[in-house]
Amino acid sequence: MKKIIVVPDVHGRDIWKQIINIENDWDKVIFIGDYLDSYNIPGMKQLENLMDIIEFKKANHDKVELLWGNHDHQYQKFSQHEMYSGYQVGMASQFQFKLDEYKHLFKIAHQEGNYLFSHAGISE
């Protein structure tokens, strides 16, 4: 049986690094979105953490999945400027630039065997 680590709603926190190191025999890591918009972590620190997650994905391409969350969606160019709690006005352009640059690494959902992972569920 595969060992899957699911990391939801990071919101700028880097606790995922400790989890990965403690649970070092994992087969797959799935980030469930919302990488940004902390109330108590500075924007630049959130951006650094996002870039660490992206680098982790690049180094483990087939073993790491990055899913979009609503807090990530609001910084994408095609967004209708939805604003969720914690929106970082001062960092918005930098967040948008990085999310756009690496959008090819992110997905809406991921299926692993009989399990479907997404940030906010699915519907018909």
N, C-alpha and C. Protein backbone atom coordinates (compact mmCIF):
# COMPACT_ATOMS: atom_id res chain seq x y z
N MET A 1 0.84 -1.18 0.00
CA MET A 1 0.00 0.00 0.00
C MET A 1 0.89 1.25 0.00
N LYS A 2 0.50 2.21 -0.81
CA LYS A 2 1.25 3.47 -0.90
C LYS A 2 1.04 4.32 0.34
N LYS A 3 2.10 5.01 0.73
CA LYS A 3 2.00 5.98 1.82
C LYS A 3 1.88 7.37 1.20
N ILE A 4 0.71 7.99 1.41
CA ILE A 4 0.42 9.30 0.83
C ILE A 4 0.32 10.32 1.96
N ILE A 5 1.05 11.40 1.83
CA ILE A 5 0.95 12.51 2.76
C ILE A 5 0.11 13.58 2.09
N VAL A 6 -0.95 14.01 2.76
CA VAL A 6 -1.83 15.05 2.24
C VAL A 6 -1.60 16.31 3.07
N VAL A 7 -1.26 17.40 2.38
CA VAL A 7 -0.97 18.67 3.06
C VAL A 7 -2.00 19.69 2.61
N PRO A 8 -2.99 19.97 3.47
CA PRO A 8 -4.02 20.95 3.09
C PRO A 8 -3.70 22.35 3.59
N ASP A 9 -4.20 23.35 2.90
CA ASP A 9 -4.24 24.74 3.37
C ASP A 9 -2.96 25.19 4.07
N VAL A 10 -1.89 25.29 3.33
CA VAL A 10 -0.60 25.71 3.87
C VAL A 10 -0.66 27.14 4.41
N HIS A 11 -1.27 28.04 3.67
CA HIS A 11 -1.41 29.46 4.06
C HIS A 11 -0.10 30.03 4.60
N GLY A 12 0.98 29.79 3.88
CA GLY A 12 2.26 30.38 4.22
C GLY A 12 3.10 29.61 5.22
N ARG A 13 2.51 28.62 5.88
CA ARG A 13 3.25 27.87 6.91
C ARG A 13 4.18 26.85 6.26
N ASP A 14 5.31 26.60 6.91
CA ASP A 14 6.27 25.63 6.36
C ASP A 14 6.34 24.34 7.18
N ILE A 15 5.31 24.05 7.95
CA ILE A 15 5.26 22.83 8.75
C ILE A 15 5.36 21.58 7.86
N TRP A 16 4.99 21.71 6.59
CA TRP A 16 5.06 20.58 5.67
C TRP A 16 6.47 20.02 5.59
N LYS A 17 7.49 20.87 5.76
CA LYS A 17 8.88 20.41 5.69
C LYS A 17 9.18 19.43 6.82
N GLN A 18 8.70 19.72 8.00
CA GLN A 18 8.91 18.82 9.14
C GLN A 18 8.17 17.50 8.92
N ILE A 19 6.96 17.59 8.42
CA ILE A 19 6.17 16.38 8.17
C ILE A 19 6.87 15.48 7.17
N ILE A 20 7.38 16.06 6.09
CA ILE A 20 8.08 15.28 5.06
C ILE A 20 9.32 14.61 5.64
N ASN A 21 10.03 15.32 6.50
CA ASN A 21 11.24 14.75 7.10
C ASN A 21 10.93 13.66 8.11
N ILE A 22 9.88 13.83 8.90
CA ILE A 22 9.49 12.82 9.89
C ILE A 22 8.95 11.58 9.19
N GLU A 23 8.07 11.80 8.24
CA GLU A 23 7.45 10.69 7.48
C GLU A 23 8.24 10.48 6.19
N ASN A 24 9.48 10.10 6.32
CA ASN A 24 10.39 10.08 5.17
C ASN A 24 10.25 8.88 4.25
N ASP A 25 9.33 7.97 4.52
CA ASP A 25 9.15 6.81 3.64
C ASP A 25 7.89 6.94 2.79
N TRP A 26 7.55 8.17 2.43
CA TRP A 26 6.34 8.44 1.65
C TRP A 26 6.51 8.07 0.18
N ASP A 27 5.38 7.74 -0.43
CA ASP A 27 5.36 7.46 -1.87
C ASP A 27 4.84 8.64 -2.67
N LYS A 28 4.00 9.44 -2.03
CA LYS A 28 3.37 10.57 -2.73
C LYS A 28 3.04 11.65 -1.70
N VAL A 29 3.22 12.91 -2.11
CA VAL A 29 2.80 14.05 -1.30
C VAL A 29 1.83 14.86 -2.15
N ILE A 30 0.66 15.13 -1.58
CA ILE A 30 -0.36 15.89 -2.30
C ILE A 30 -0.68 17.15 -1.50
N PHE A 31 -0.36 18.30 -2.08
CA PHE A 31 -0.71 19.58 -1.49
C PHE A 31 -2.10 19.96 -2.00
N ILE A 32 -3.01 20.28 -1.11
CA ILE A 32 -4.41 20.51 -1.47
C ILE A 32 -4.72 22.00 -1.65
N GLY A 33 -3.74 22.80 -1.97
CA GLY A 33 -3.99 24.21 -2.30
C GLY A 33 -3.97 25.16 -1.12
N ASP A 34 -4.28 26.41 -1.42
CA ASP A 34 -4.23 27.52 -0.47
C ASP A 34 -2.83 27.67 0.12
N TYR A 35 -1.91 28.05 -0.73
CA TYR A 35 -0.51 28.20 -0.35
C TYR A 35 -0.24 29.55 0.29
N LEU A 36 -1.17 30.49 0.14
CA LEU A 36 -0.96 31.88 0.51
C LEU A 36 -2.05 32.38 1.44
N ASP A 37 -1.93 33.64 1.83
CA ASP A 37 -2.93 34.38 2.59
C ASP A 37 -2.95 34.06 4.09
N SER A 38 -1.80 34.20 4.70
CA SER A 38 -1.72 34.10 6.16
C SER A 38 -1.97 35.47 6.77
N TYR A 39 -2.55 35.47 7.95
CA TYR A 39 -2.75 36.72 8.69
C TYR A 39 -1.51 37.11 9.48
N ASN A 40 -0.65 36.14 9.79
CA ASN A 40 0.47 36.43 10.69
C ASN A 40 1.85 36.08 10.12
N ILE A 41 1.93 35.68 8.88
CA ILE A 41 3.21 35.40 8.23
C ILE A 41 3.42 36.47 7.16
N PRO A 42 4.54 37.18 7.20
CA PRO A 42 4.78 38.23 6.20
C PRO A 42 4.69 37.70 4.76
N GLY A 43 4.24 38.55 3.87
CA GLY A 43 4.05 38.17 2.47
C GLY A 43 5.29 37.59 1.82
N MET A 44 6.46 38.19 2.06
CA MET A 44 7.69 37.67 1.44
C MET A 44 8.01 36.27 1.95
N LYS A 45 7.72 36.00 3.22
CA LYS A 45 7.94 34.67 3.79
C LYS A 45 6.99 33.66 3.16
N GLN A 46 5.77 34.09 2.90
CA GLN A 46 4.80 33.22 2.22
C GLN A 46 5.27 32.90 0.81
N LEU A 47 5.79 33.91 0.13
CA LEU A 47 6.30 33.71 -1.23
C LEU A 47 7.49 32.76 -1.22
N GLU A 48 8.38 32.90 -0.27
CA GLU A 48 9.52 31.97 -0.15
C GLU A 48 9.04 30.55 0.07
N ASN A 49 8.03 30.39 0.92
CA ASN A 49 7.50 29.06 1.19
C ASN A 49 6.85 28.47 -0.07
N LEU A 50 6.11 29.29 -0.80
CA LEU A 50 5.52 28.84 -2.06
C LEU A 50 6.62 28.37 -3.01
N MET A 51 7.69 29.12 -3.10
CA MET A 51 8.79 28.74 -3.99
C MET A 51 9.48 27.46 -3.50
N ASP A 52 9.57 27.27 -2.19
CA ASP A 52 10.11 26.01 -1.65
C ASP A 52 9.23 24.83 -2.05
N ILE A 53 7.92 25.02 -2.01
CA ILE A 53 6.99 23.97 -2.41
C ILE A 53 7.16 23.67 -3.90
N ILE A 54 7.27 24.70 -4.70
CA ILE A 54 7.46 24.52 -6.15
C ILE A 54 8.78 23.80 -6.43
N GLU A 55 9.84 24.17 -5.74
CA GLU A 55 11.13 23.49 -5.92
C GLU A 55 11.05 22.04 -5.47
N PHE A 56 10.31 21.77 -4.41
CA PHE A 56 10.10 20.41 -3.93
C PHE A 56 9.38 19.59 -5.00
N LYS A 57 8.38 20.19 -5.62
CA LYS A 57 7.66 19.53 -6.72
C LYS A 57 8.60 19.26 -7.89
N LYS A 58 9.39 20.24 -8.27
CA LYS A 58 10.30 20.07 -9.40
C LYS A 58 11.33 18.97 -9.14
N ALA A 59 11.79 18.86 -7.90
CA ALA A 59 12.78 17.85 -7.54
C ALA A 59 12.17 16.45 -7.42
N ASN A 60 10.86 16.38 -7.23
CA ASN A 60 10.16 15.10 -7.04
C ASN A 60 8.92 15.07 -7.94
N HIS A 61 9.11 15.38 -9.19
CA HIS A 61 8.00 15.67 -10.10
C HIS A 61 6.88 14.64 -10.07
N ASP A 62 7.21 13.36 -10.16
CA ASP A 62 6.17 12.33 -10.21
C ASP A 62 5.64 11.93 -8.84
N LYS A 63 6.26 12.39 -7.79
CA LYS A 63 5.85 12.00 -6.44
C LYS A 63 5.15 13.11 -5.67
N VAL A 64 5.04 14.29 -6.27
CA VAL A 64 4.40 15.44 -5.59
C VAL A 64 3.34 16.02 -6.52
N GLU A 65 2.17 16.27 -5.95
CA GLU A 65 1.08 16.89 -6.69
C GLU A 65 0.74 18.23 -6.04
N LEU A 66 0.56 19.25 -6.85
CA LEU A 66 0.17 20.57 -6.37
C LEU A 66 -1.21 20.88 -6.92
N LEU A 67 -2.18 21.04 -6.03
CA LEU A 67 -3.53 21.36 -6.45
C LEU A 67 -3.84 22.83 -6.17
N TRP A 68 -4.71 23.38 -6.98
CA TRP A 68 -5.14 24.76 -6.79
C TRP A 68 -6.13 24.85 -5.65
N GLY A 69 -6.09 25.95 -4.93
CA GLY A 69 -7.09 26.28 -3.92
C GLY A 69 -7.70 27.63 -4.25
N ASN A 70 -8.78 27.98 -3.59
CA ASN A 70 -9.44 29.25 -3.88
C ASN A 70 -8.54 30.45 -3.57
N HIS A 71 -7.68 30.34 -2.57
CA HIS A 71 -6.78 31.45 -2.24
C HIS A 71 -5.69 31.63 -3.31
N ASP A 72 -5.41 30.58 -4.06
CA ASP A 72 -4.45 30.67 -5.16
C ASP A 72 -5.13 31.23 -6.41
N HIS A 73 -6.36 30.79 -6.59
CA HIS A 73 -7.15 31.20 -7.76
C HIS A 73 -7.29 32.72 -7.82
N GLN A 74 -7.46 33.36 -6.67
CA GLN A 74 -7.70 34.81 -6.68
C GLN A 74 -6.51 35.61 -7.19
N TYR A 75 -5.34 34.99 -7.24
CA TYR A 75 -4.15 35.70 -7.74
C TYR A 75 -3.85 35.37 -9.20
N GLN A 76 -4.68 34.57 -9.83
CA GLN A 76 -4.44 34.23 -11.23
C GLN A 76 -5.03 35.29 -12.14
N LYS A 77 -4.40 35.46 -13.29
CA LYS A 77 -4.79 36.54 -14.21
C LYS A 77 -6.24 36.44 -14.66
N PHE A 78 -6.74 35.22 -14.82
CA PHE A 78 -8.10 35.06 -15.31
C PHE A 78 -9.15 35.20 -14.21
N SER A 79 -8.73 35.37 -12.97
CA SER A 79 -9.67 35.49 -11.86
C SER A 79 -10.53 36.74 -12.02
N GLN A 80 -11.73 36.66 -11.55
CA GLN A 80 -12.64 37.81 -11.58
C GLN A 80 -12.40 38.70 -10.36
N HIS A 81 -11.20 38.66 -9.84
CA HIS A 81 -10.80 39.45 -8.68
C HIS A 81 -11.63 39.12 -7.44
N GLU A 82 -11.87 37.81 -7.27
CA GLU A 82 -12.48 37.35 -6.04
C GLU A 82 -11.48 37.62 -4.92
N MET A 83 -11.97 38.02 -3.79
CA MET A 83 -11.07 38.26 -2.66
C MET A 83 -11.54 37.42 -1.48
N TYR A 84 -10.65 36.56 -1.04
CA TYR A 84 -10.93 35.73 0.13
C TYR A 84 -10.20 36.30 1.33
N SER A 85 -10.57 35.85 2.49
CA SER A 85 -9.95 36.37 3.71
C SER A 85 -8.44 36.22 3.65
N GLY A 86 -7.76 37.25 4.11
CA GLY A 86 -6.30 37.23 4.11
C GLY A 86 -5.67 37.71 2.83
N TYR A 87 -6.46 38.16 1.86
CA TYR A 87 -5.93 38.62 0.58
C TYR A 87 -4.79 39.61 0.81
N GLN A 88 -3.68 39.40 0.12
CA GLN A 88 -2.47 40.19 0.30
C GLN A 88 -2.33 41.23 -0.82
N VAL A 89 -2.95 42.37 -0.63
CA VAL A 89 -2.96 43.42 -1.66
C VAL A 89 -1.52 43.80 -2.04
N GLY A 90 -0.66 44.00 -1.08
CA GLY A 90 0.71 44.43 -1.35
C GLY A 90 1.57 43.39 -2.03
N MET A 91 1.18 42.13 -1.95
CA MET A 91 1.95 41.04 -2.55
C MET A 91 1.27 40.45 -3.78
N ALA A 92 0.08 40.93 -4.09
CA ALA A 92 -0.74 40.31 -5.13
C ALA A 92 0.00 40.16 -6.46
N SER A 93 0.70 41.18 -6.92
CA SER A 93 1.38 41.09 -8.22
C SER A 93 2.52 40.07 -8.18
N GLN A 94 3.24 39.99 -7.07
CA GLN A 94 4.33 39.01 -6.96
C GLN A 94 3.77 37.59 -6.88
N PHE A 95 2.70 37.40 -6.10
CA PHE A 95 2.06 36.09 -6.03
C PHE A 95 1.55 35.68 -7.41
N GLN A 96 0.89 36.62 -8.09
CA GLN A 96 0.34 36.35 -9.41
C GLN A 96 1.44 35.94 -10.39
N PHE A 97 2.55 36.65 -10.36
CA PHE A 97 3.64 36.38 -11.28
C PHE A 97 4.17 34.95 -11.08
N LYS A 98 4.42 34.55 -9.84
CA LYS A 98 4.97 33.22 -9.57
C LYS A 98 3.95 32.12 -9.88
N LEU A 99 2.70 32.33 -9.50
CA LEU A 99 1.69 31.31 -9.80
C LEU A 99 1.50 31.16 -11.31
N ASP A 100 1.58 32.25 -12.04
CA ASP A 100 1.45 32.18 -13.49
C ASP A 100 2.68 31.50 -14.11
N GLU A 101 3.85 31.83 -13.61
CA GLU A 101 5.08 31.25 -14.14
C GLU A 101 5.12 29.73 -13.98
N TYR A 102 4.56 29.24 -12.89
CA TYR A 102 4.62 27.80 -12.60
C TYR A 102 3.27 27.11 -12.68
N LYS A 103 2.30 27.72 -13.36
CA LYS A 103 0.96 27.15 -13.42
C LYS A 103 0.93 25.75 -14.02
N HIS A 104 1.91 25.43 -14.84
CA HIS A 104 1.97 24.11 -15.46
C HIS A 104 2.22 23.00 -14.43
N LEU A 105 2.62 23.34 -13.22
CA LEU A 105 2.88 22.35 -12.18
C LEU A 105 1.65 22.07 -11.32
N PHE A 106 0.59 22.86 -11.47
CA PHE A 106 -0.60 22.76 -10.62
C PHE A 106 -1.76 22.10 -11.38
N LYS A 107 -2.65 21.46 -10.62
CA LYS A 107 -3.83 20.83 -11.18
C LYS A 107 -5.05 21.16 -10.32
N ILE A 108 -6.22 20.96 -10.88
CA ILE A 108 -7.47 21.16 -10.15
C ILE A 108 -7.72 19.99 -9.21
N ALA A 109 -7.43 18.79 -9.66
CA ALA A 109 -7.69 17.58 -8.86
C ALA A 109 -6.66 16.52 -9.22
N HIS A 110 -6.56 15.51 -8.37
CA HIS A 110 -5.65 14.40 -8.62
C HIS A 110 -6.30 13.10 -8.16
N GLN A 111 -6.23 12.09 -9.01
CA GLN A 111 -6.74 10.78 -8.63
C GLN A 111 -5.57 9.85 -8.33
N GLU A 112 -5.65 9.19 -7.22
CA GLU A 112 -4.65 8.21 -6.80
C GLU A 112 -5.41 6.94 -6.45
N GLY A 113 -5.37 5.96 -7.37
CA GLY A 113 -6.17 4.75 -7.15
C GLY A 113 -7.64 5.10 -7.12
N ASN A 114 -8.33 4.68 -6.06
CA ASN A 114 -9.76 4.94 -5.92
C ASN A 114 -10.06 6.26 -5.21
N TYR A 115 -9.05 7.06 -4.96
CA TYR A 115 -9.22 8.31 -4.22
C TYR A 115 -9.05 9.50 -5.14
N LEU A 116 -9.95 10.47 -4.98
CA LEU A 116 -9.87 11.71 -5.73
C LEU A 116 -9.61 12.84 -4.75
N PHE A 117 -8.59 13.62 -5.01
CA PHE A 117 -8.21 14.73 -4.15
C PHE A 117 -8.51 16.04 -4.86
N SER A 118 -9.13 16.98 -4.15
CA SER A 118 -9.35 18.32 -4.66
C SER A 118 -9.46 19.26 -3.47
N HIS A 119 -9.37 20.55 -3.73
CA HIS A 119 -9.44 21.51 -2.64
C HIS A 119 -10.86 21.66 -2.10
N ALA A 120 -11.82 21.67 -3.00
CA ALA A 120 -13.17 22.02 -2.56
C ALA A 120 -14.22 21.02 -3.01
N GLY A 121 -13.84 19.81 -3.34
CA GLY A 121 -14.82 18.81 -3.76
C GLY A 121 -15.09 18.87 -5.25
N ILE A 122 -16.08 18.08 -5.65
CA ILE A 122 -16.45 17.99 -7.06
C ILE A 122 -17.96 18.00 -7.18
N SER A 123 -18.44 18.24 -8.37
CA SER A 123 -19.86 18.16 -8.66
C SER A 123 -20.04 17.76 -10.11
N GLU A 124 -21.25 17.47 -10.47
CA GLU A 124 -21.53 17.11 -11.86
C GLU A 124 -21.22 18.28 -12.75
